[in-house]
């Protein structure tokens, strides 16, 4: 930013789990953005809704696979509150 560099840190799944424990339990996680094009390419797909629909379905299927779910641009974590 403005010629200054700074570190970017991505916590591991276990670090995220620890941060929410013991009040929340991780139920599932999935990758987001595996098959869909990046937002800067959105204009190229403006008139291709069937392609986007197909890629969205592929994203949903692939994003849940254990090997793939850590490879997305983002990861969606699903936590539930633990009973006390």
Protein backbone atom coordinates (compact mmCIF):
# COMPACT_ATOMS: atom_id res chain seq x y z
CA UNK A 1 0.00 0.00 0.00
CA UNK A 2 1.60 3.25 -1.07
CA UNK A 3 4.91 1.47 -1.64
CA UNK A 4 4.84 -0.14 1.78
CA UNK A 5 4.75 -3.92 2.05
CA UNK A 6 3.05 -5.75 4.86
CA UNK A 7 2.61 -9.43 5.66
CA UNK A 8 -0.68 -11.17 4.95
CA UNK A 9 -1.54 -14.03 7.26
CA UNK A 10 -3.97 -16.85 6.56
CA UNK A 11 -4.77 -18.89 9.68
CA UNK A 12 -4.96 -22.67 9.41
CA UNK A 13 -8.20 -24.56 9.96
CA UNK A 14 -7.02 -25.69 13.39
CA UNK A 15 -6.22 -22.08 14.37
CA UNK A 16 -9.71 -20.99 13.35
CA UNK A 17 -11.22 -23.89 15.31
CA UNK A 18 -9.21 -22.96 18.42
CA UNK A 19 -10.29 -19.33 18.11
CA UNK A 20 -13.96 -20.36 18.25
CA UNK A 21 -13.58 -23.12 20.85
CA UNK A 22 -15.04 -24.09 23.20
CA UNK A 23 -18.22 -22.15 22.41
CA UNK A 24 -18.47 -23.28 18.80
CA UNK A 25 -17.83 -26.56 16.98
CA UNK A 26 -16.73 -26.73 13.34
CA UNK A 27 -19.33 -28.73 11.43
CA UNK A 28 -18.02 -28.32 7.89
CA UNK A 29 -15.86 -26.25 5.61
CA UNK A 30 -15.85 -25.71 1.87
CA UNK A 31 -13.87 -23.81 -0.70
CA UNK A 32 -15.45 -20.88 -2.49
CA UNK A 33 -14.16 -19.82 -5.89
CA UNK A 34 -12.72 -23.09 -7.19
CA UNK A 35 -14.48 -23.15 -10.58
CA UNK A 36 -15.91 -19.65 -10.90
CA UNK A 37 -13.87 -16.99 -12.68
CA UNK A 38 -12.49 -14.10 -10.62
CA UNK A 39 -14.61 -10.96 -10.33
CA UNK A 40 -12.32 -9.00 -12.65
CA UNK A 41 -13.45 -11.34 -15.47
CA UNK A 42 -17.17 -10.84 -14.77
CA UNK A 43 -17.73 -8.69 -17.86
CA UNK A 44 -16.45 -11.52 -20.08
CA UNK A 45 -19.24 -13.76 -18.74
CA UNK A 46 -22.01 -11.14 -18.81
CA UNK A 47 -24.01 -12.86 -21.59
CA UNK A 48 -23.09 -16.40 -20.59
CA UNK A 49 -25.46 -17.19 -17.75
CA UNK A 50 -25.58 -20.91 -18.62
CA UNK A 51 -21.78 -21.07 -18.33
CA UNK A 52 -21.90 -19.31 -14.97
CA UNK A 53 -24.68 -21.66 -13.81
CA UNK A 54 -22.56 -24.68 -14.77
CA UNK A 55 -19.48 -23.26 -13.06
CA UNK A 56 -21.53 -22.47 -9.94
CA UNK A 57 -22.71 -26.09 -9.75
CA UNK A 58 -19.13 -27.32 -10.25
CA UNK A 59 -17.94 -24.91 -7.54
CA UNK A 60 -20.49 -26.29 -5.08
CA UNK A 61 -19.53 -29.90 -5.81
CA UNK A 62 -15.77 -29.41 -5.87
CA UNK A 63 -15.68 -27.06 -2.90
CA UNK A 64 -16.79 -29.79 -0.50
CA UNK A 65 -14.09 -32.30 -1.50
CA UNK A 66 -11.46 -32.72 1.24
CA UNK A 67 -8.46 -32.28 -1.05
CA UNK A 68 -9.95 -29.32 -2.90
CA UNK A 69 -11.59 -27.36 -0.09
CA UNK A 70 -8.33 -25.74 0.98
CA UNK A 71 -7.56 -24.52 -2.53
CA UNK A 72 -10.28 -21.92 -3.04
CA UNK A 73 -9.88 -18.18 -2.96
CA UNK A 74 -11.93 -18.28 0.22
CA UNK A 75 -13.07 -20.91 2.68
CA UNK A 76 -16.53 -20.99 4.22
CA UNK A 77 -16.59 -22.41 7.74
CA UNK A 78 -19.85 -23.64 9.28
CA UNK A 79 -19.80 -23.54 13.08
CA UNK A 80 -22.55 -24.39 15.54
CA UNK A 81 -22.82 -23.13 19.09
CA UNK A 82 -21.99 -25.77 21.68
CA UNK A 83 -24.46 -26.40 24.50
CA UNK A 84 -23.31 -25.26 27.90
